[in-house]
PDB file of N, CA and C in Angstrom:
ATOM      1  N   UNK A   1      71.330 -71.992 -32.310  1.00  0.00           N
ATOM      2  CA  UNK A   1      72.708 -72.465 -32.367  1.00  0.00           C
ATOM      3  C   UNK A   1      72.855 -73.583 -31.347  1.00  0.00           C
ATOM      4  N   UNK A   2      73.547 -74.644 -31.710  1.00  0.00           N
ATOM      5  CA  UNK A   2      73.697 -75.759 -30.788  1.00  0.00           C
ATOM      6  C   UNK A   2      74.535 -75.341 -29.590  1.00  0.00           C
ATOM      7  N   UNK A   3      74.311 -76.017 -28.470  1.00  0.00           N
ATOM      8  CA  UNK A   3      75.022 -75.676 -27.233  1.00  0.00           C
ATOM      9  C   UNK A   3      76.529 -75.856 -27.385  1.00  0.00           C
ATOM     10  N   UNK A   4      76.955 -76.907 -28.095  1.00  0.00           N
ATOM     11  CA  UNK A   4      78.389 -77.160 -28.267  1.00  0.00           C
ATOM     12  C   UNK A   4      79.067 -76.023 -29.019  1.00  0.00           C
ATOM     13  N   UNK A   5      78.436 -75.562 -30.105  1.00  0.00           N
ATOM     14  CA  UNK A   5      79.006 -74.470 -30.896  1.00  0.00           C
ATOM     15  C   UNK A   5      79.015 -73.194 -30.072  1.00  0.00           C
ATOM     16  N   UNK A   6      77.924 -72.921 -29.353  1.00  0.00           N
ATOM     17  CA  UNK A   6      77.837 -71.716 -28.535  1.00  0.00           C
ATOM     18  C   UNK A   6      78.933 -71.672 -27.484  1.00  0.00           C
ATOM     19  N   UNK A   7      79.102 -72.760 -26.763  1.00  0.00           N
ATOM     20  CA  UNK A   7      80.128 -72.792 -25.715  1.00  0.00           C
ATOM     21  C   UNK A   7      81.526 -72.635 -26.285  1.00  0.00           C
ATOM     22  N   UNK A   8      81.792 -73.320 -27.399  1.00  0.00           N
ATOM     23  CA  UNK A   8      83.118 -73.229 -27.997  1.00  0.00           C
ATOM     24  C   UNK A   8      83.404 -71.801 -28.463  1.00  0.00           C
ATOM     25  N   UNK A   9      82.419 -71.184 -29.102  1.00  0.00           N
ATOM     26  CA  UNK A   9      82.615 -69.809 -29.580  1.00  0.00           C
ATOM     27  C   UNK A   9      82.787 -68.848 -28.410  1.00  0.00           C
ATOM     28  N   UNK A  10      82.020 -69.061 -27.346  1.00  0.00           N
ATOM     29  CA  UNK A  10      82.091 -68.183 -26.182  1.00  0.00           C
ATOM     30  C   UNK A  10      83.464 -68.259 -25.518  1.00  0.00           C
ATOM     31  N   UNK A  11      83.925 -69.471 -25.250  1.00  0.00           N
ATOM     32  CA  UNK A  11      85.192 -69.636 -24.535  1.00  0.00           C
ATOM     33  C   UNK A  11      86.416 -69.402 -25.401  1.00  0.00           C
ATOM     34  N   UNK A  12      86.341 -69.739 -26.665  1.00  0.00           N
ATOM     35  CA  UNK A  12      87.518 -69.637 -27.522  1.00  0.00           C
ATOM     36  C   UNK A  12      87.681 -68.278 -28.181  1.00  0.00           C
ATOM     37  N   UNK A  13      86.578 -67.606 -28.467  1.00  0.00           N
ATOM     38  CA  UNK A  13      86.669 -66.368 -29.240  1.00  0.00           C
ATOM     39  C   UNK A  13      86.058 -65.175 -28.523  1.00  0.00           C
ATOM     40  N   UNK A  14      85.627 -65.383 -27.276  1.00  0.00           N
ATOM     41  CA  UNK A  14      85.107 -64.314 -26.432  1.00  0.00           C
ATOM     42  C   UNK A  14      83.924 -63.576 -27.045  1.00  0.00           C
ATOM     43  N   UNK A  15      83.045 -64.330 -27.672  1.00  0.00           N
ATOM     44  CA  UNK A  15      81.780 -63.754 -28.106  1.00  0.00           C
ATOM     45  C   UNK A  15      80.902 -63.614 -26.874  1.00  0.00           C
ATOM     46  N   UNK A  16      80.226 -62.505 -26.743  1.00  0.00           N
ATOM     47  CA  UNK A  16      79.224 -62.362 -25.690  1.00  0.00           C
ATOM     48  C   UNK A  16      78.015 -63.198 -26.069  1.00  0.00           C
ATOM     49  N   UNK A  17      77.300 -63.651 -25.065  1.00  0.00           N
ATOM     50  CA  UNK A  17      76.108 -64.444 -25.331  1.00  0.00           C
ATOM     51  C   UNK A  17      75.121 -63.656 -26.186  1.00  0.00           C
ATOM     52  N   UNK A  18      74.944 -62.375 -25.901  1.00  0.00           N
ATOM     53  CA  UNK A  18      74.012 -61.547 -26.678  1.00  0.00           C
ATOM     54  C   UNK A  18      74.475 -61.395 -28.126  1.00  0.00           C
ATOM     55  N   UNK A  19      75.809 -61.411 -28.349  1.00  0.00           N
ATOM     56  CA  UNK A  19      76.332 -61.341 -29.722  1.00  0.00           C
ATOM     57  C   UNK A  19      76.028 -62.629 -30.475  1.00  0.00           C
ATOM     58  N   UNK A  20      76.151 -63.765 -29.793  1.00  0.00           N
ATOM     59  CA  UNK A  20      75.846 -65.039 -30.445  1.00  0.00           C
ATOM     60  C   UNK A  20      74.365 -65.123 -30.787  1.00  0.00           C
ATOM     61  N   UNK A  21      73.513 -64.636 -29.877  1.00  0.00           N
ATOM     62  CA  UNK A  21      72.071 -64.651 -30.145  1.00  0.00           C
ATOM     63  C   UNK A  21      71.697 -63.698 -31.272  1.00  0.00           C
ATOM     64  N   UNK A  22      72.504 -62.656 -31.471  1.00  0.00           N
ATOM     65  CA  UNK A  22      72.243 -61.692 -32.532  1.00  0.00           C
ATOM     66  C   UNK A  22      72.722 -62.127 -33.905  1.00  0.00           C
ATOM     67  N   UNK A  23      73.447 -63.245 -33.977  1.00  0.00           N
ATOM     68  CA  UNK A  23      73.958 -63.712 -35.276  1.00  0.00           C
ATOM     69  C   UNK A  23      72.827 -64.187 -36.177  1.00  0.00           C
ATOM     70  N   UNK A  24      72.944 -63.873 -37.446  1.00  0.00           N
ATOM     71  CA  UNK A  24      72.039 -64.369 -38.468  1.00  0.00           C
ATOM     72  C   UNK A  24      72.892 -65.080 -39.510  1.00  0.00           C
ATOM     73  N   UNK A  25      72.267 -65.935 -40.313  1.00  0.00           N
ATOM     74  CA  UNK A  25      73.040 -66.705 -41.299  1.00  0.00           C
ATOM     75  C   UNK A  25      73.775 -65.793 -42.267  1.00  0.00           C
ATOM     76  N   UNK A  26      73.245 -64.620 -42.550  1.00  0.00           N
ATOM     77  CA  UNK A  26      73.927 -63.700 -43.461  1.00  0.00           C
ATOM     78  C   UNK A  26      75.214 -63.141 -42.854  1.00  0.00           C
ATOM     79  N   UNK A  27      75.421 -63.313 -41.549  1.00  0.00           N
ATOM     80  CA  UNK A  27      76.643 -62.860 -40.887  1.00  0.00           C
ATOM     81  C   UNK A  27      77.777 -63.878 -40.992  1.00  0.00           C
ATOM     82  N   UNK A  28      77.463 -65.057 -41.483  1.00  0.00           N
ATOM     83  CA  UNK A  28      78.453 -66.136 -41.526  1.00  0.00           C
ATOM     84  C   UNK A  28      78.900 -66.343 -42.966  1.00  0.00           C
ATOM     85  N   UNK A  29      80.193 -66.155 -43.190  1.00  0.00           N
ATOM     86  CA  UNK A  29      80.802 -66.336 -44.507  1.00  0.00           C
ATOM     87  C   UNK A  29      81.481 -67.705 -44.514  1.00  0.00           C
ATOM     88  N   UNK A  30      80.779 -68.697 -45.065  1.00  0.00           N
ATOM     89  CA  UNK A  30      81.296 -70.065 -45.051  1.00  0.00           C
ATOM     90  C   UNK A  30      82.504 -70.239 -45.967  1.00  0.00           C
ATOM     91  N   UNK A  31      82.582 -69.464 -47.028  1.00  0.00           N
ATOM     92  CA  UNK A  31      83.699 -69.597 -47.967  1.00  0.00           C
ATOM     93  C   UNK A  31      85.024 -69.154 -47.357  1.00  0.00           C
ATOM     94  N   UNK A  32      84.979 -68.086 -46.541  1.00  0.00           N
ATOM     95  CA  UNK A  32      86.207 -67.538 -45.961  1.00  0.00           C
ATOM     96  C   UNK A  32      86.368 -67.842 -44.478  1.00  0.00           C
ATOM     97  N   UNK A  33      85.443 -68.645 -43.919  1.00  0.00           N
ATOM     98  CA  UNK A  33      85.478 -69.019 -42.495  1.00  0.00           C
ATOM     99  C   UNK A  33      85.483 -67.793 -41.581  1.00  0.00           C
ATOM    100  N   UNK A  34      84.565 -66.879 -41.848  1.00  0.00           N
ATOM    101  CA  UNK A  34      84.511 -65.614 -41.108  1.00  0.00           C
ATOM    102  C   UNK A  34      83.109 -65.424 -40.533  1.00  0.00           C
ATOM    103  N   UNK A  35      83.066 -64.878 -39.318  1.00  0.00           N
ATOM    104  CA  UNK A  35      81.801 -64.483 -38.711  1.00  0.00           C
ATOM    105  C   UNK A  35      81.852 -62.981 -38.449  1.00  0.00           C
ATOM    106  N   UNK A  36      80.814 -62.288 -38.914  1.00  0.00           N
ATOM    107  CA  UNK A  36      80.692 -60.841 -38.696  1.00  0.00           C
ATOM    108  C   UNK A  36      79.783 -60.613 -37.488  1.00  0.00           C
ATOM    109  N   UNK A  37      80.277 -59.915 -36.480  1.00  0.00           N
ATOM    110  CA  UNK A  37      79.448 -59.533 -35.341  1.00  0.00           C
ATOM    111  C   UNK A  37      78.921 -58.140 -35.646  1.00  0.00           C
ATOM    112  N   UNK A  38      77.587 -58.034 -35.847  1.00  0.00           N
ATOM    113  CA  UNK A  38      76.979 -56.765 -36.257  1.00  0.00           C
ATOM    114  C   UNK A  38      75.899 -56.280 -35.301  1.00  0.00           C
ATOM    115  N   UNK A  39      75.351 -57.195 -34.494  1.00  0.00           N
ATOM    116  CA  UNK A  39      74.222 -56.838 -33.646  1.00  0.00           C
ATOM    117  C   UNK A  39      74.186 -57.761 -32.435  1.00  0.00           C
ATOM    118  N   UNK A  40      73.340 -57.415 -31.496  1.00  0.00           N
ATOM    119  CA  UNK A  40      73.106 -58.267 -30.337  1.00  0.00           C
ATOM    120  C   UNK A  40      71.606 -58.523 -30.225  1.00  0.00           C
ATOM    121  N   UNK A  41      71.269 -59.548 -29.496  1.00  0.00           N
ATOM    122  CA  UNK A  41      69.874 -59.812 -29.170  1.00  0.00           C
ATOM    123  C   UNK A  41      69.760 -59.697 -27.657  1.00  0.00           C
ATOM    124  N   UNK A  42      68.815 -58.895 -27.201  1.00  0.00           N
ATOM    125  CA  UNK A  42      68.674 -58.588 -25.779  1.00  0.00           C
ATOM    126  C   UNK A  42      67.278 -58.946 -25.298  1.00  0.00           C
ATOM    127  N   UNK A  43      67.113 -58.959 -23.974  1.00  0.00           N
ATOM    128  CA  UNK A  43      65.796 -59.121 -23.377  1.00  0.00           C
ATOM    129  C   UNK A  43      65.668 -58.185 -22.189  1.00  0.00           C
ATOM    130  N   UNK A  44      64.571 -57.470 -22.139  1.00  0.00           N
ATOM    131  CA  UNK A  44      64.196 -56.713 -20.952  1.00  0.00           C
ATOM    132  C   UNK A  44      62.713 -56.955 -20.706  1.00  0.00           C
ATOM    133  N   UNK A  45      62.299 -56.780 -19.473  1.00  0.00           N
ATOM    134  CA  UNK A  45      60.884 -56.984 -19.145  1.00  0.00           C
ATOM    135  C   UNK A  45      60.002 -56.003 -19.901  1.00  0.00           C
ATOM    136  N   UNK A  46      60.499 -54.792 -20.127  1.00  0.00           N
ATOM    137  CA  UNK A  46      59.700 -53.774 -20.811  1.00  0.00           C
ATOM    138  C   UNK A  46      59.557 -54.058 -22.306  1.00  0.00           C
ATOM    139  N   UNK A  47      60.665 -54.442 -22.957  1.00  0.00           N
ATOM    140  CA  UNK A  47      60.669 -54.613 -24.410  1.00  0.00           C
ATOM    141  C   UNK A  47      60.492 -56.060 -24.851  1.00  0.00           C
ATOM    142  N   UNK A  48      60.772 -57.003 -23.984  1.00  0.00           N
ATOM    143  CA  UNK A  48      60.796 -58.400 -24.392  1.00  0.00           C
ATOM    144  C   UNK A  48      62.112 -58.673 -25.119  1.00  0.00           C
ATOM    145  N   UNK A  49      62.087 -59.560 -26.112  1.00  0.00           N
ATOM    146  CA  UNK A  49      63.284 -59.863 -26.898  1.00  0.00           C
ATOM    147  C   UNK A  49      63.380 -58.855 -28.034  1.00  0.00           C
ATOM    148  N   UNK A  50      64.562 -58.270 -28.202  1.00  0.00           N
ATOM    149  CA  UNK A  50      64.758 -57.301 -29.278  1.00  0.00           C
ATOM    150  C   UNK A  50      66.199 -57.337 -29.754  1.00  0.00           C
ATOM    151  N   UNK A  51      66.392 -56.886 -30.987  1.00  0.00           N
ATOM    152  CA  UNK A  51      67.719 -56.816 -31.586  1.00  0.00           C
ATOM    153  C   UNK A  51      68.226 -55.391 -31.445  1.00  0.00           C
ATOM    154  N   UNK A  52      69.515 -55.262 -31.123  1.00  0.00           N
ATOM    155  CA  UNK A  52      70.105 -53.945 -30.916  1.00  0.00           C
ATOM    156  C   UNK A  52      71.497 -53.925 -31.546  1.00  0.00           C
ATOM    157  N   UNK A  53      72.057 -52.737 -31.628  1.00  0.00           N
ATOM    158  CA  UNK A  53      73.433 -52.623 -32.111  1.00  0.00           C
ATOM    159  C   UNK A  53      74.374 -53.105 -31.006  1.00  0.00           C
ATOM    160  N   UNK A  54      75.612 -53.333 -31.361  1.00  0.00           N
ATOM    161  CA  UNK A  54      76.594 -53.718 -30.355  1.00  0.00           C
ATOM    162  C   UNK A  54      76.849 -52.532 -29.434  1.00  0.00           C
ATOM    163  N   UNK A  55      77.437 -52.804 -28.268  1.00  0.00           N
ATOM    164  CA  UNK A  55      77.624 -51.744 -27.272  1.00  0.00           C
ATOM    165  C   UNK A  55      78.536 -50.627 -27.758  1.00  0.00           C
ATOM    166  N   UNK A  56      79.606 -51.001 -28.445  1.00  0.00           N
ATOM    167  CA  UNK A  56      80.554 -49.996 -28.946  1.00  0.00           C
ATOM    168  C   UNK A  56      80.865 -50.274 -30.405  1.00  0.00           C
ATOM    169  N   UNK A  57      81.483 -49.308 -31.055  1.00  0.00           N
ATOM    170  CA  UNK A  57      81.884 -49.485 -32.453  1.00  0.00           C
ATOM    171  C   UNK A  57      82.894 -50.621 -32.570  1.00  0.00           C
ATOM    172  N   UNK A  58      83.796 -50.736 -31.576  1.00  0.00           N
ATOM    173  CA  UNK A  58      84.801 -51.799 -31.616  1.00  0.00           C
ATOM    174  C   UNK A  58      84.194 -53.187 -31.434  1.00  0.00           C
ATOM    175  N   UNK A  59      82.983 -53.230 -30.875  1.00  0.00           N
ATOM    176  CA  UNK A  59      82.323 -54.528 -30.707  1.00  0.00           C
ATOM    177  C   UNK A  59      81.923 -55.124 -32.047  1.00  0.00           C
ATOM    178  N   UNK A  60      81.682 -54.264 -33.032  1.00  0.00           N
ATOM    179  CA  UNK A  60      81.421 -54.767 -34.385  1.00  0.00           C
ATOM    180  C   UNK A  60      82.752 -55.246 -34.931  1.00  0.00           C
ATOM    181  N   UNK A  61      82.818 -56.519 -35.257  1.00  0.00           N
ATOM    182  CA  UNK A  61      84.109 -57.065 -35.668  1.00  0.00           C
ATOM    183  C   UNK A  61      83.918 -58.265 -36.584  1.00  0.00           C
ATOM    184  N   UNK A  62      85.023 -58.685 -37.152  1.00  0.00           N
ATOM    185  CA  UNK A  62      85.068 -59.862 -38.000  1.00  0.00           C
ATOM    186  C   UNK A  62      86.011 -60.846 -37.330  1.00  0.00           C
ATOM    187  N   UNK A  63      85.552 -62.080 -37.171  1.00  0.00           N
ATOM    188  CA  UNK A  63      86.383 -63.096 -36.519  1.00  0.00           C
ATOM    189  C   UNK A  63      86.609 -64.266 -37.456  1.00  0.00           C
ATOM    190  N   UNK A  64      87.861 -64.606 -37.632  1.00  0.00           N
ATOM    191  CA  UNK A  64      88.234 -65.792 -38.414  1.00  0.00           C
ATOM    192  C   UNK A  64      87.999 -67.009 -37.535  1.00  0.00           C
ATOM    193  N   UNK A  65      87.311 -67.994 -38.093  1.00  0.00           N
ATOM    194  CA  UNK A  65      86.936 -69.176 -37.316  1.00  0.00           C
ATOM    195  C   UNK A  65      87.644 -70.417 -37.845  1.00  0.00           C
ATOM    196  N   UNK A  66      87.900 -71.387 -36.964  1.00  0.00           N
ATOM    197  CA  UNK A  66      88.488 -72.643 -37.428  1.00  0.00           C
ATOM    198  C   UNK A  66      87.481 -73.439 -38.266  1.00  0.00           C
ATOM    199  N   UNK A  67      87.997 -74.266 -39.120  1.00  0.00           N
ATOM    200  CA  UNK A  67      87.165 -75.061 -40.013  1.00  0.00           C
ATOM    201  C   UNK A  67      86.210 -75.946 -39.211  1.00  0.00           C
ATOM    202  N   UNK A  68      86.652 -76.452 -38.072  1.00  0.00           N
ATOM    203  CA  UNK A  68      85.796 -77.324 -37.260  1.00  0.00           C
ATOM    204  C   UNK A  68      84.525 -76.608 -36.815  1.00  0.00           C
ATOM    205  N   UNK A  69      84.629 -75.358 -36.417  1.00  0.00           N
ATOM    206  CA  UNK A  69      83.452 -74.578 -36.017  1.00  0.00           C
ATOM    207  C   UNK A  69      82.565 -74.322 -37.230  1.00  0.00           C
ATOM    208  N   UNK A  70      83.173 -73.971 -38.347  1.00  0.00           N
ATOM    209  CA  UNK A  70      82.388 -73.707 -39.558  1.00  0.00           C
ATOM    210  C   UNK A  70      81.632 -74.962 -40.004  1.00  0.00           C
ATOM    211  N   UNK A  71      82.271 -76.130 -39.862  1.00  0.00           N
ATOM    212  CA  UNK A  71      81.601 -77.381 -40.207  1.00  0.00           C
ATOM    213  C   UNK A  71      80.411 -77.645 -39.284  1.00  0.00           C
ATOM    214  N   UNK A  72      80.576 -77.352 -37.976  1.00  0.00           N
ATOM    215  CA  UNK A  72      79.464 -77.496 -37.042  1.00  0.00           C
ATOM    216  C   UNK A  72      78.332 -76.535 -37.402  1.00  0.00           C
ATOM    217  N   UNK A  73      78.688 -75.316 -37.793  1.00  0.00           N
ATOM    218  CA  UNK A  73      77.673 -74.340 -38.194  1.00  0.00           C
ATOM    219  C   UNK A  73      76.952 -74.777 -39.473  1.00  0.00           C
ATOM    220  N   UNK A  74      77.706 -75.341 -40.418  1.00  0.00           N
ATOM    221  CA  UNK A  74      77.077 -75.862 -41.644  1.00  0.00           C
ATOM    222  C   UNK A  74      76.060 -76.956 -41.298  1.00  0.00           C
ATOM    223  N   UNK A  75      76.471 -77.854 -40.417  1.00  0.00           N
ATOM    224  CA  UNK A  75      75.605 -78.945 -40.003  1.00  0.00           C
ATOM    225  C   UNK A  75      74.361 -78.394 -39.300  1.00  0.00           C
ATOM    226  N   UNK A  76      74.549 -77.429 -38.417  1.00  0.00           N
ATOM    227  CA  UNK A  76      73.427 -76.830 -37.703  1.00  0.00           C
ATOM    228  C   UNK A  76      72.476 -76.130 -38.669  1.00  0.00           C
ATOM    229  N   UNK A  77      73.033 -75.426 -39.656  1.00  0.00           N
ATOM    230  CA  UNK A  77      72.200 -74.735 -40.650  1.00  0.00           C
ATOM    231  C   UNK A  77      71.372 -75.740 -41.441  1.00  0.00           C
ATOM    232  N   UNK A  78      72.001 -76.839 -41.844  1.00  0.00           N
ATOM    233  CA  UNK A  78      71.282 -77.875 -42.592  1.00  0.00           C
ATOM    234  C   UNK A  78      70.152 -78.468 -41.746  1.00  0.00           C
ATOM    235  N   UNK A  79      70.418 -78.720 -40.465  1.00  0.00           N
ATOM    236  CA  UNK A  79      69.389 -79.248 -39.577  1.00  0.00           C
ATOM    237  C   UNK A  79      68.249 -78.241 -39.416  1.00  0.00           C
ATOM    238  N   UNK A  80      68.600 -76.966 -39.275  1.00  0.00           N
ATOM    239  CA  UNK A  80      67.588 -75.929 -39.128  1.00  0.00           C
ATOM    240  C   UNK A  80      66.728 -75.811 -40.384  1.00  0.00           C
ATOM    241  N   UNK A  81      67.360 -75.884 -41.554  1.00  0.00           N
ATOM    242  CA  UNK A  81      66.605 -75.811 -42.811  1.00  0.00           C
ATOM    243  C   UNK A  81      65.693 -77.023 -42.973  1.00  0.00           C
ATOM    244  N   UNK A  82      66.178 -78.205 -42.592  1.00  0.00           N
ATOM    245  CA  UNK A  82      65.353 -79.412 -42.683  1.00  0.00           C
ATOM    246  C   UNK A  82      64.163 -79.300 -41.737  1.00  0.00           C
ATOM    247  N   UNK A  83      64.396 -78.785 -40.542  1.00  0.00           N
ATOM    248  CA  UNK A  83      63.307 -78.606 -39.581  1.00  0.00           C
ATOM    249  C   UNK A  83      62.294 -77.593 -40.106  1.00  0.00           C
ATOM    250  N   UNK A  84      62.778 -76.494 -40.697  1.00  0.00           N
ATOM    251  CA  UNK A  84      61.877 -75.479 -41.249  1.00  0.00           C
ATOM    252  C   UNK A  84      61.013 -76.064 -42.356  1.00  0.00           C
ATOM    253  N   UNK A  85      61.622 -76.896 -43.206  1.00  0.00           N
ATOM    254  CA  UNK A  85      60.876 -77.544 -44.281  1.00  0.00           C
ATOM    255  C   UNK A  85      59.813 -78.474 -43.702  1.00  0.00           C
ATOM    256  N   UNK A  86      60.174 -79.213 -42.655  1.00  0.00           N
ATOM    257  CA  UNK A  86      59.228 -80.102 -41.995  1.00  0.00           C
ATOM    258  C   UNK A  86      58.061 -79.308 -41.414  1.00  0.00           C
ATOM    259  N   UNK A  87      58.354 -78.205 -40.738  1.00  0.00           N
ATOM    260  CA  UNK A  87      57.304 -77.373 -40.147  1.00  0.00           C
ATOM    261  C   UNK A  87      56.390 -76.813 -41.232  1.00  0.00           C
ATOM    262  N   UNK A  88      56.981 -76.388 -42.360  1.00  0.00           N
ATOM    263  CA  UNK A  88      56.166 -75.883 -43.472  1.00  0.00           C
ATOM    264  C   UNK A  88      55.224 -76.956 -43.992  1.00  0.00           C
ATOM    265  N   UNK A  89      55.711 -78.186 -44.122  1.00  0.00           N
ATOM    266  CA  UNK A  89      54.865 -79.281 -44.599  1.00  0.00           C
ATOM    267  C   UNK A  89      53.745 -79.567 -43.607  1.00  0.00           C
ATOM    268  N   UNK A  90      54.053 -79.546 -42.315  1.00  0.00           N
ATOM    269  CA  UNK A  90      53.029 -79.792 -41.299  1.00  0.00           C
ATOM    270  C   UNK A  90      51.968 -78.698 -41.361  1.00  0.00           C
ATOM    271  N   UNK A  91      52.397 -77.440 -41.480  1.00  0.00           N
ATOM    272  CA  UNK A  91      51.428 -76.335 -41.576  1.00  0.00           C
ATOM    273  C   UNK A  91      50.563 -76.469 -42.836  1.00  0.00           C
ATOM    274  N   UNK A  92      51.171 -76.864 -43.935  1.00  0.00           N
ATOM    275  CA  UNK A  92      50.410 -77.051 -45.180  1.00  0.00           C
ATOM    276  C   UNK A  92      49.354 -78.140 -45.001  1.00  0.00           C
ATOM    277  N   UNK A  93      49.766 -79.275 -44.431  1.00  0.00           N
ATOM    278  CA  UNK A  93      48.823 -80.380 -44.245  1.00  0.00           C
ATOM    279  C   UNK A  93      47.709 -79.995 -43.272  1.00  0.00           C
ATOM    280  N   UNK A  94      48.056 -79.249 -42.232  1.00  0.00           N
ATOM    281  CA  UNK A  94      47.043 -78.799 -41.289  1.00  0.00           C
ATOM    282  C   UNK A  94      46.054 -77.848 -41.963  1.00  0.00           C
ATOM    283  N   UNK A  95      46.562 -76.915 -42.768  1.00  0.00           N
ATOM    284  CA  UNK A  95      45.682 -75.984 -43.493  1.00  0.00           C
ATOM    285  C   UNK A  95      44.789 -76.737 -44.472  1.00  0.00           C
ATOM    286  N   UNK A  96      45.347 -77.730 -45.151  1.00  0.00           N
ATOM    287  CA  UNK A  96      44.565 -78.542 -46.085  1.00  0.00           C
ATOM    288  C   UNK A  96      43.459 -79.289 -45.350  1.00  0.00           C
ATOM    289  N   UNK A  97      43.814 -79.906 -44.229  1.00  0.00           N
ATOM    290  CA  UNK A  97      42.832 -80.628 -43.429  1.00  0.00           C
ATOM    291  C   UNK A  97      41.726 -79.692 -42.952  1.00  0.00           C
ATOM    292  N   UNK A  98      42.089 -78.522 -42.454  1.00  0.00           N
ATOM    293  CA  UNK A  98      41.088 -77.577 -41.964  1.00  0.00           C
ATOM    294  C   UNK A  98      40.178 -77.073 -43.080  1.00  0.00           C
ATOM    295  N   UNK A  99      40.743 -76.862 -44.271  1.00  0.00           N
ATOM    296  CA  UNK A  99      39.896 -76.404 -45.380  1.00  0.00           C
ATOM    297  C   UNK A  99      38.912 -77.510 -45.803  1.00  0.00           C
ATOM    298  N   UNK A 100      39.353 -78.757 -45.801  1.00  0.00           N
ATOM    299  CA  UNK A 100      38.459 -79.873 -46.125  1.00  0.00           C
ATOM    300  C   UNK A 100      37.372 -79.995 -45.057  1.00  0.00           C
ATOM    301  N   UNK A 101      37.789 -79.881 -43.801  1.00  0.00           N
ATOM    302  CA  UNK A 101      36.828 -79.949 -42.700  1.00  0.00           C
ATOM    303  C   UNK A 101      35.807 -78.812 -42.797  1.00  0.00           C
ATOM    304  N   UNK A 102      36.282 -77.616 -43.112  1.00  0.00           N
ATOM    305  CA  UNK A 102      35.413 -76.447 -43.251  1.00  0.00           C
ATOM    306  C   UNK A 102      34.392 -76.667 -44.369  1.00  0.00           C
ATOM    307  N   UNK A 103      34.861 -77.188 -45.503  1.00  0.00           N
ATOM    308  CA  UNK A 103      33.938 -77.457 -46.622  1.00  0.00           C
ATOM    309  C   UNK A 103      32.892 -78.496 -46.238  1.00  0.00           C
ATOM    310  N   UNK A 104      33.327 -79.532 -45.526  1.00  0.00           N
ATOM    311  CA  UNK A 104      32.401 -80.586 -45.104  1.00  0.00           C
ATOM    312  C   UNK A 104      31.352 -80.021 -44.153  1.00  0.00           C
ATOM    313  N   UNK A 105      31.787 -79.204 -43.202  1.00  0.00           N
ATOM    314  CA  UNK A 105      30.846 -78.606 -42.249  1.00  0.00           C
ATOM    315  C   UNK A 105      29.878 -77.681 -42.979  1.00  0.00           C
ATOM    316  N   UNK A 106      30.401 -76.864 -43.883  1.00  0.00           N
ATOM    317  CA  UNK A 106      29.550 -75.931 -44.626  1.00  0.00           C
ATOM    318  C   UNK A 106      28.532 -76.669 -45.491  1.00  0.00           C
ATOM    319  N   UNK A 107      28.958 -77.712 -46.194  1.00  0.00           N
ATOM    320  CA  UNK A 107      28.020 -78.435 -47.061  1.00  0.00           C
ATOM    321  C   UNK A 107      26.981 -79.171 -46.230  1.00  0.00           C
ATOM    322  N   UNK A 108      27.378 -79.715 -45.080  1.00  0.00           N
ATOM    323  CA  UNK A 108      26.415 -80.382 -44.195  1.00  0.00           C
ATOM    324  C   UNK A 108      25.418 -79.373 -43.651  1.00  0.00           C
ATOM    325  N   UNK A 109      25.907 -78.227 -43.231  1.00  0.00           N
ATOM    326  CA  UNK A 109      25.020 -77.180 -42.717  1.00  0.00           C
ATOM    327  C   UNK A 109      24.061 -76.721 -43.806  1.00  0.00           C
ATOM    328  N   UNK A 110      24.559 -76.578 -45.027  1.00  0.00           N
ATOM    329  CA  UNK A 110      23.703 -76.152 -46.137  1.00  0.00           C
ATOM    330  C   UNK A 110      22.620 -77.197 -46.415  1.00  0.00           C
ATOM    331  N   UNK A 111      23.002 -78.484 -46.401  1.00  0.00           N
ATOM    332  CA  UNK A 111      22.019 -79.544 -46.642  1.00  0.00           C
ATOM    333  C   UNK A 111      20.973 -79.566 -45.532  1.00  0.00           C
ATOM    334  N   UNK A 112      21.379 -79.405 -44.282  1.00  0.00           N
ATOM    335  CA  UNK A 112      20.425 -79.386 -43.173  1.00  0.00           C
ATOM    336  C   UNK A 112      19.492 -78.186 -43.279  1.00  0.00           C
ATOM    337  N   UNK A 113      20.055 -77.043 -43.653  1.00  0.00           N
ATOM    338  CA  UNK A 113      19.254 -75.834 -43.798  1.00  0.00           C
ATOM    339  C   UNK A 113      18.244 -75.992 -44.937  1.00  0.00           C
ATOM    340  N   UNK A 114      18.690 -76.567 -46.054  1.00  0.00           N
ATOM    341  CA  UNK A 114      17.802 -76.808 -47.202  1.00  0.00           C
ATOM    342  C   UNK A 114      16.691 -77.779 -46.816  1.00  0.00           C
ATOM    343  N   UNK A 115      17.048 -78.834 -46.072  1.00  0.00           N
ATOM    344  CA  UNK A 115      16.048 -79.814 -45.629  1.00  0.00           C
ATOM    345  C   UNK A 115      15.044 -79.166 -44.685  1.00  0.00           C
ATOM    346  N   UNK A 116      15.518 -78.270 -43.837  1.00  0.00           N
ATOM    347  CA  UNK A 116      14.647 -77.560 -42.904  1.00  0.00           C
ATOM    348  C   UNK A 116      13.656 -76.679 -43.659  1.00  0.00           C
ATOM    349  N   UNK A 117      14.159 -75.995 -44.695  1.00  0.00           N
ATOM    350  CA  UNK A 117      13.283 -75.095 -45.468  1.00  0.00           C
ATOM    351  C   UNK A 117      12.232 -75.859 -46.251  1.00  0.00           C
ATOM    352  N   UNK A 118      12.571 -77.051 -46.733  1.00  0.00           N
ATOM    353  CA  UNK A 118      11.631 -77.816 -47.557  1.00  0.00           C
ATOM    354  C   UNK A 118      10.688 -78.655 -46.711  1.00  0.00           C
ATOM    355  N   UNK A 119      10.946 -78.775 -45.434  1.00  0.00           N
ATOM    356  CA  UNK A 119      10.081 -79.615 -44.581  1.00  0.00           C
ATOM    357  C   UNK A 119       8.827 -78.907 -44.149  1.00  0.00           C
TER     358      UNK A 119
END
């Protein structure tokens, strides 16, 4: 989540930082401008980063958000999806390159081994 959206949500709607970190895209209803707080994301030295339930039943809530925040969230989601697509393409190209390199190394090794056996 962008820093601007996080700060605005924190100060204007009293979301805890752990509640904001626990948000997933399925918690955001863009049609009705609503955010569902269902979980938190925590960190401890023993567990590392983990997702947990909210502290109390009342902490689970639905918050109506202004259109400006929802528009920022839409923009952030689009940027995140574009970045994910870019990362997927980079991973694909890297895997393709490594498979070509692997085939080249294997065929060279096979040719050297064959030459060694026939010499």
